[in-house]
Amino acid sequence: MNIDRFEGDWTDFKGNLKSKWGKLSDNDLTEIDGNAEALAGKLQDLYGKQEDEATHEARSAIGDVQTTAWSEKLHGDWSELKGAVQQRWGKLTDNQLTEINGDANKLAGTLQKDYGYDDGQTASEMRGFFKELK
């Protein structure tokens, strides 16, 4: 899933990006602060990537980090959140919820299939769901 902005505790996930792109400094990661556009700029500067390639990689990486954060939340509280997921997205069946089993990637794929969402719509829907949980 491609996402423009990470929402959550960014400090927990900076290491994921640093392991992928070792030239990113701690200062770079602080400046990026979960923003895909800022990450794309750093990828252009540090790795000489073209704008389109850097933007695609940055949005994909931020999406991966966000999905990991969402999965951790879902896995940890799935028995409690399953009902909230079904209430929000009423088309989801019990069988689908059992198959999803707290996996944010599976939830995203199911939403795209059943509701026809693209990456942006899926991210927006899931972001809204997690904001409502706070």
N, C-alpha and C. Protein backbone atom coordinates (compact mmCIF):
# COMPACT_ATOMS: atom_id res chain seq x y z
N MET A 1 0.85 -1.16 0.00
CA MET A 1 0.00 0.00 0.00
C MET A 1 0.90 1.24 0.00
N ASN A 2 0.58 2.19 -0.81
CA ASN A 2 1.33 3.44 -0.86
C ASN A 2 0.64 4.49 0.00
N ILE A 3 1.42 5.13 0.86
CA ILE A 3 0.88 6.11 1.81
C ILE A 3 1.79 7.33 1.81
N ASP A 4 1.18 8.51 1.91
CA ASP A 4 1.94 9.76 1.93
C ASP A 4 2.49 10.11 3.30
N ARG A 5 1.83 9.66 4.34
CA ARG A 5 2.20 10.10 5.69
C ARG A 5 1.97 8.99 6.70
N PHE A 6 2.99 8.68 7.50
CA PHE A 6 2.87 7.72 8.57
C PHE A 6 2.20 8.37 9.76
N GLU A 7 1.29 7.64 10.38
CA GLU A 7 0.65 8.14 11.60
C GLU A 7 0.86 7.11 12.69
N GLY A 8 1.44 7.55 13.77
CA GLY A 8 1.74 6.67 14.88
C GLY A 8 3.05 7.09 15.51
N ASP A 9 3.65 6.17 16.26
CA ASP A 9 4.91 6.46 16.93
C ASP A 9 6.06 6.23 15.96
N TRP A 10 6.47 7.29 15.31
CA TRP A 10 7.50 7.24 14.28
C TRP A 10 8.82 6.68 14.82
N THR A 11 9.14 6.95 16.07
CA THR A 11 10.43 6.52 16.63
C THR A 11 10.56 5.00 16.60
N ASP A 12 9.47 4.29 16.70
CA ASP A 12 9.53 2.83 16.68
C ASP A 12 9.90 2.27 15.31
N PHE A 13 9.75 3.06 14.26
CA PHE A 13 9.91 2.53 12.91
C PHE A 13 11.05 3.15 12.11
N LYS A 14 11.74 4.11 12.69
CA LYS A 14 12.85 4.74 11.97
C LYS A 14 13.92 3.72 11.58
N GLY A 15 14.14 2.76 12.44
CA GLY A 15 15.16 1.73 12.17
C GLY A 15 14.86 0.91 10.93
N ASN A 16 13.56 0.69 10.65
CA ASN A 16 13.19 -0.05 9.44
C ASN A 16 13.72 0.64 8.19
N LEU A 17 13.57 1.97 8.16
CA LEU A 17 14.03 2.72 6.98
C LEU A 17 15.54 2.82 6.94
N LYS A 18 16.15 2.95 8.11
CA LYS A 18 17.62 3.05 8.16
C LYS A 18 18.26 1.74 7.70
N SER A 19 17.63 0.62 8.02
CA SER A 19 18.18 -0.65 7.57
C SER A 19 18.02 -0.82 6.06
N LYS A 20 16.99 -0.24 5.51
CA LYS A 20 16.77 -0.32 4.06
C LYS A 20 17.68 0.66 3.30
N TRP A 21 17.82 1.86 3.84
CA TRP A 21 18.65 2.88 3.21
C TRP A 21 19.67 3.37 4.25
N GLY A 22 20.81 2.70 4.28
CA GLY A 22 21.83 2.95 5.29
C GLY A 22 22.43 4.34 5.29
N LYS A 23 22.28 5.07 4.19
CA LYS A 23 22.83 6.42 4.14
C LYS A 23 21.98 7.44 4.91
N LEU A 24 20.78 7.05 5.29
CA LEU A 24 19.92 7.96 6.06
C LEU A 24 20.48 8.11 7.47
N SER A 25 20.73 9.33 7.87
CA SER A 25 21.25 9.58 9.21
C SER A 25 20.09 9.71 10.19
N ASP A 26 20.42 9.71 11.46
CA ASP A 26 19.39 9.93 12.48
C ASP A 26 18.73 11.30 12.29
N ASN A 27 19.54 12.30 11.92
CA ASN A 27 18.99 13.63 11.65
C ASN A 27 18.03 13.60 10.46
N ASP A 28 18.41 12.86 9.41
CA ASP A 28 17.52 12.72 8.25
C ASP A 28 16.18 12.13 8.67
N LEU A 29 16.24 11.07 9.47
CA LEU A 29 15.01 10.40 9.89
C LEU A 29 14.15 11.29 10.78
N THR A 30 14.79 12.11 11.59
CA THR A 30 14.05 13.07 12.41
C THR A 30 13.37 14.10 11.53
N GLU A 31 14.08 14.58 10.50
CA GLU A 31 13.50 15.55 9.57
C GLU A 31 12.35 14.94 8.76
N ILE A 32 12.51 13.70 8.36
CA ILE A 32 11.49 13.02 7.55
C ILE A 32 10.20 12.88 8.35
N ASP A 33 10.31 12.47 9.59
CA ASP A 33 9.19 12.40 10.52
C ASP A 33 7.94 11.76 9.91
N GLY A 34 8.13 10.68 9.15
CA GLY A 34 7.00 9.95 8.60
C GLY A 34 6.41 10.50 7.32
N ASN A 35 7.04 11.51 6.74
CA ASN A 35 6.52 12.16 5.54
C ASN A 35 7.17 11.56 4.30
N ALA A 36 6.37 10.97 3.42
CA ALA A 36 6.90 10.31 2.22
C ALA A 36 7.60 11.30 1.29
N GLU A 37 7.08 12.51 1.18
CA GLU A 37 7.71 13.51 0.31
C GLU A 37 9.11 13.86 0.81
N ALA A 38 9.24 14.00 2.13
CA ALA A 38 10.56 14.31 2.70
C ALA A 38 11.51 13.14 2.50
N LEU A 39 11.02 11.92 2.66
CA LEU A 39 11.84 10.74 2.42
C LEU A 39 12.27 10.68 0.96
N ALA A 40 11.36 10.96 0.04
CA ALA A 40 11.70 10.96 -1.39
C ALA A 40 12.81 11.95 -1.68
N GLY A 41 12.74 13.13 -1.09
CA GLY A 41 13.79 14.13 -1.28
C GLY A 41 15.14 13.63 -0.80
N LYS A 42 15.15 12.96 0.35
CA LYS A 42 16.41 12.40 0.87
C LYS A 42 16.94 11.30 -0.05
N LEU A 43 16.06 10.49 -0.59
CA LEU A 43 16.49 9.43 -1.51
C LEU A 43 17.09 10.01 -2.78
N GLN A 44 16.53 11.11 -3.23
CA GLN A 44 17.09 11.80 -4.40
C GLN A 44 18.47 12.33 -4.07
N ASP A 45 18.59 13.00 -2.94
CA ASP A 45 19.86 13.62 -2.55
C ASP A 45 20.95 12.58 -2.28
N LEU A 46 20.61 11.54 -1.51
CA LEU A 46 21.62 10.59 -1.05
C LEU A 46 21.93 9.49 -2.06
N TYR A 47 20.95 9.13 -2.86
CA TYR A 47 21.12 7.99 -3.77
C TYR A 47 21.02 8.36 -5.25
N GLY A 48 20.76 9.63 -5.53
CA GLY A 48 20.68 10.07 -6.92
C GLY A 48 19.49 9.51 -7.68
N LYS A 49 18.44 9.16 -6.96
CA LYS A 49 17.26 8.60 -7.62
C LYS A 49 16.47 9.69 -8.32
N GLN A 50 15.82 9.32 -9.41
CA GLN A 50 14.93 10.24 -10.11
C GLN A 50 13.69 10.47 -9.25
N GLU A 51 13.03 11.60 -9.47
CA GLU A 51 11.90 11.99 -8.63
C GLU A 51 10.80 10.93 -8.59
N ASP A 52 10.39 10.41 -9.75
CA ASP A 52 9.31 9.42 -9.79
C ASP A 52 9.68 8.15 -9.02
N GLU A 53 10.90 7.67 -9.23
CA GLU A 53 11.36 6.47 -8.56
C GLU A 53 11.44 6.70 -7.04
N ALA A 54 12.00 7.83 -6.64
CA ALA A 54 12.13 8.15 -5.22
C ALA A 54 10.76 8.28 -4.56
N THR A 55 9.82 8.92 -5.24
CA THR A 55 8.48 9.09 -4.69
C THR A 55 7.79 7.75 -4.53
N HIS A 56 7.89 6.90 -5.55
CA HIS A 56 7.27 5.58 -5.47
C HIS A 56 7.87 4.77 -4.32
N GLU A 57 9.20 4.74 -4.22
CA GLU A 57 9.85 3.98 -3.16
C GLU A 57 9.50 4.52 -1.78
N ALA A 58 9.46 5.84 -1.66
CA ALA A 58 9.16 6.45 -0.37
C ALA A 58 7.73 6.15 0.06
N ARG A 59 6.78 6.31 -0.84
CA ARG A 59 5.38 6.05 -0.50
C ARG A 59 5.16 4.58 -0.17
N SER A 60 5.84 3.71 -0.89
CA SER A 60 5.75 2.28 -0.61
C SER A 60 6.36 1.95 0.76
N ALA A 61 7.52 2.52 1.06
CA ALA A 61 8.18 2.26 2.34
C ALA A 61 7.36 2.79 3.51
N ILE A 62 6.82 4.00 3.37
CA ILE A 62 5.98 4.56 4.43
C ILE A 62 4.73 3.70 4.58
N GLY A 63 4.19 3.23 3.47
CA GLY A 63 3.03 2.33 3.52
C GLY A 63 3.35 1.04 4.24
N ASP A 64 4.54 0.48 3.99
CA ASP A 64 4.95 -0.75 4.67
C ASP A 64 5.08 -0.52 6.17
N VAL A 65 5.68 0.60 6.54
CA VAL A 65 5.84 0.92 7.96
C VAL A 65 4.48 1.11 8.61
N GLN A 66 3.58 1.84 7.93
CA GLN A 66 2.25 2.07 8.48
C GLN A 66 1.50 0.76 8.62
N THR A 67 1.59 -0.10 7.62
CA THR A 67 0.89 -1.38 7.67
C THR A 67 1.42 -2.23 8.82
N THR A 68 2.73 -2.18 9.04
CA THR A 68 3.33 -2.91 10.17
C THR A 68 2.75 -2.40 11.49
N ALA A 69 2.66 -1.08 11.63
CA ALA A 69 2.10 -0.50 12.86
C ALA A 69 0.65 -0.92 13.04
N TRP A 70 -0.12 -0.87 11.96
CA TRP A 70 -1.52 -1.28 12.05
C TRP A 70 -1.63 -2.76 12.38
N SER A 71 -0.78 -3.58 11.77
CA SER A 71 -0.82 -5.02 12.04
C SER A 71 -0.51 -5.31 13.50
N GLU A 72 0.47 -4.60 14.05
CA GLU A 72 0.80 -4.80 15.46
C GLU A 72 -0.40 -4.48 16.35
N LYS A 73 -1.09 -3.41 16.03
CA LYS A 73 -2.28 -3.04 16.79
C LYS A 73 -3.38 -4.08 16.62
N LEU A 74 -3.62 -4.50 15.39
CA LEU A 74 -4.67 -5.48 15.14
C LEU A 74 -4.36 -6.83 15.79
N HIS A 75 -3.11 -7.31 15.62
CA HIS A 75 -2.75 -8.60 16.20
C HIS A 75 -2.88 -8.59 17.71
N GLY A 76 -2.43 -7.50 18.32
CA GLY A 76 -2.46 -7.41 19.77
C GLY A 76 -3.86 -7.39 20.35
N ASP A 77 -4.79 -6.79 19.63
CA ASP A 77 -6.15 -6.60 20.14
C ASP A 77 -7.22 -7.21 19.23
N TRP A 78 -6.87 -8.18 18.41
CA TRP A 78 -7.80 -8.67 17.39
C TRP A 78 -9.13 -9.13 17.98
N SER A 79 -9.09 -9.85 19.10
CA SER A 79 -10.35 -10.34 19.66
C SER A 79 -11.27 -9.18 20.04
N GLU A 80 -10.68 -8.05 20.46
CA GLU A 80 -11.48 -6.88 20.79
C GLU A 80 -11.85 -6.06 19.56
N LEU A 81 -10.96 -6.00 18.57
CA LEU A 81 -11.17 -5.13 17.41
C LEU A 81 -11.99 -5.78 16.30
N LYS A 82 -12.09 -7.08 16.30
CA LYS A 82 -12.82 -7.79 15.24
C LYS A 82 -14.23 -7.25 15.07
N GLY A 83 -14.93 -7.03 16.17
CA GLY A 83 -16.30 -6.49 16.11
C GLY A 83 -16.33 -5.08 15.55
N ALA A 84 -15.34 -4.26 15.94
CA ALA A 84 -15.28 -2.88 15.44
C ALA A 84 -15.00 -2.87 13.94
N VAL A 85 -14.15 -3.80 13.49
CA VAL A 85 -13.86 -3.92 12.06
C VAL A 85 -15.13 -4.29 11.31
N GLN A 86 -15.86 -5.27 11.83
CA GLN A 86 -17.08 -5.70 11.16
C GLN A 86 -18.15 -4.61 11.18
N GLN A 87 -18.19 -3.84 12.26
CA GLN A 87 -19.17 -2.76 12.33
C GLN A 87 -18.83 -1.67 11.30
N ARG A 88 -17.56 -1.35 11.16
CA ARG A 88 -17.16 -0.30 10.22
C ARG A 88 -17.37 -0.74 8.78
N TRP A 89 -16.99 -1.98 8.49
CA TRP A 89 -17.09 -2.50 7.12
C TRP A 89 -18.05 -3.69 7.13
N GLY A 90 -19.31 -3.38 7.08
CA GLY A 90 -20.37 -4.36 7.25
C GLY A 90 -20.42 -5.48 6.22
N LYS A 91 -19.78 -5.29 5.07
CA LYS A 91 -19.78 -6.34 4.05
C LYS A 91 -18.89 -7.52 4.43
N LEU A 92 -17.99 -7.31 5.38
CA LEU A 92 -17.06 -8.37 5.75
C LEU A 92 -17.79 -9.49 6.49
N THR A 93 -17.55 -10.70 6.05
CA THR A 93 -18.20 -11.86 6.66
C THR A 93 -17.37 -12.39 7.82
N ASP A 94 -17.98 -13.25 8.61
CA ASP A 94 -17.25 -13.90 9.71
C ASP A 94 -16.07 -14.70 9.17
N ASN A 95 -16.27 -15.37 8.03
CA ASN A 95 -15.18 -16.14 7.43
C ASN A 95 -14.02 -15.22 7.02
N GLN A 96 -14.34 -14.08 6.44
CA GLN A 96 -13.29 -13.14 6.06
C GLN A 96 -12.54 -12.62 7.28
N LEU A 97 -13.28 -12.30 8.33
CA LEU A 97 -12.64 -11.81 9.55
C LEU A 97 -11.75 -12.87 10.17
N THR A 98 -12.17 -14.12 10.11
CA THR A 98 -11.33 -15.21 10.60
C THR A 98 -10.06 -15.32 9.77
N GLU A 99 -10.20 -15.18 8.46
CA GLU A 99 -9.03 -15.24 7.58
C GLU A 99 -8.11 -14.04 7.79
N ILE A 100 -8.65 -12.86 7.98
CA ILE A 100 -7.85 -11.65 8.22
C ILE A 100 -7.04 -11.81 9.49
N ASN A 101 -7.67 -12.27 10.56
CA ASN A 101 -7.02 -12.61 11.82
C ASN A 101 -6.00 -11.57 12.29
N GLY A 102 -6.35 -10.29 12.16
CA GLY A 102 -5.49 -9.23 12.67
C GLY A 102 -4.37 -8.81 11.74
N ASP A 103 -4.38 -9.27 10.50
CA ASP A 103 -3.32 -8.92 9.54
C ASP A 103 -3.79 -7.71 8.72
N ALA A 104 -3.11 -6.58 8.88
CA ALA A 104 -3.51 -5.35 8.19
C ALA A 104 -3.43 -5.48 6.67
N ASN A 105 -2.46 -6.24 6.17
CA ASN A 105 -2.36 -6.44 4.72
C ASN A 105 -3.57 -7.21 4.19
N LYS A 106 -3.98 -8.22 4.93
CA LYS A 106 -5.16 -8.99 4.52
C LYS A 106 -6.42 -8.13 4.60
N LEU A 107 -6.51 -7.31 5.64
CA LEU A 107 -7.66 -6.42 5.76
C LEU A 107 -7.68 -5.45 4.59
N ALA A 108 -6.53 -4.86 4.27
CA ALA A 108 -6.45 -3.92 3.15
C ALA A 108 -6.85 -4.59 1.84
N GLY A 109 -6.33 -5.78 1.59
CA GLY A 109 -6.67 -6.50 0.37
C GLY A 109 -8.15 -6.83 0.29
N THR A 110 -8.73 -7.21 1.40
CA THR A 110 -10.16 -7.52 1.43
C THR A 110 -11.00 -6.28 1.18
N LEU A 111 -10.59 -5.16 1.77
CA LEU A 111 -11.32 -3.91 1.54
C LEU A 111 -11.24 -3.50 0.07
N GLN A 112 -10.06 -3.66 -0.53
CA GLN A 112 -9.91 -3.31 -1.94
C GLN A 112 -10.78 -4.20 -2.80
N LYS A 113 -10.82 -5.48 -2.49
CA LYS A 113 -11.61 -6.43 -3.28
C LYS A 113 -13.11 -6.19 -3.10
N ASP A 114 -13.56 -6.11 -1.86
CA ASP A 114 -15.00 -6.04 -1.58
C ASP A 114 -15.60 -4.65 -1.77
N TYR A 115 -14.80 -3.62 -1.53
CA TYR A 115 -15.31 -2.26 -1.62
C TYR A 115 -14.78 -1.49 -2.83
N GLY A 116 -13.84 -2.08 -3.57
CA GLY A 116 -13.31 -1.43 -4.75
C GLY A 116 -12.39 -0.25 -4.44
N TYR A 117 -11.83 -0.21 -3.24
CA TYR A 117 -10.93 0.88 -2.87
C TYR A 117 -9.60 0.76 -3.58
N ASP A 118 -9.00 1.91 -3.92
CA ASP A 118 -7.61 1.91 -4.39
C ASP A 118 -6.72 2.07 -3.15
N ASP A 119 -5.40 2.14 -3.36
CA ASP A 119 -4.48 2.26 -2.22
C ASP A 119 -4.80 3.47 -1.35
N GLY A 120 -5.05 4.60 -1.98
CA GLY A 120 -5.32 5.83 -1.23
C GLY A 120 -6.59 5.73 -0.41
N GLN A 121 -7.64 5.19 -1.01
CA GLN A 121 -8.90 5.03 -0.28
C GLN A 121 -8.76 4.04 0.86
N THR A 122 -8.03 2.95 0.61
CA THR A 122 -7.81 1.96 1.66
C THR A 122 -7.06 2.57 2.82
N ALA A 123 -5.99 3.30 2.51
CA ALA A 123 -5.20 3.94 3.57
C ALA A 123 -6.05 4.93 4.35
N SER A 124 -6.86 5.71 3.65
CA SER A 124 -7.72 6.69 4.30
C SER A 124 -8.74 6.00 5.22
N GLU A 125 -9.34 4.94 4.73
CA GLU A 125 -10.32 4.20 5.53
C GLU A 125 -9.67 3.61 6.79
N MET A 126 -8.51 2.99 6.60
CA MET A 126 -7.85 2.36 7.74
C MET A 126 -7.33 3.41 8.72
N ARG A 127 -6.83 4.52 8.19
CA ARG A 127 -6.37 5.62 9.05
C ARG A 127 -7.54 6.13 9.90
N GLY A 128 -8.70 6.32 9.26
CA GLY A 128 -9.88 6.77 9.99
C GLY A 128 -10.31 5.78 11.06
N PHE A 129 -10.25 4.52 10.75
CA PHE A 129 -10.60 3.48 11.72
C PHE A 129 -9.70 3.55 12.94
N PHE A 130 -8.39 3.64 12.72
CA PHE A 130 -7.46 3.66 13.85
C PHE A 130 -7.53 4.96 14.64
N LYS A 131 -7.85 6.06 13.99
CA LYS A 131 -8.03 7.33 14.71
C LYS A 131 -9.23 7.24 15.64
N GLU A 132 -10.28 6.59 15.17
CA GLU A 132 -11.50 6.45 15.98
C GLU A 132 -11.25 5.58 17.21
N LEU A 133 -10.27 4.70 17.15
CA LEU A 133 -9.97 3.81 18.27
C LEU A 133 -9.28 4.52 19.42
N LYS A 134 -8.61 5.63 19.12
CA LYS A 134 -7.82 6.32 20.15
C LYS A 134 -8.67 6.92 21.22
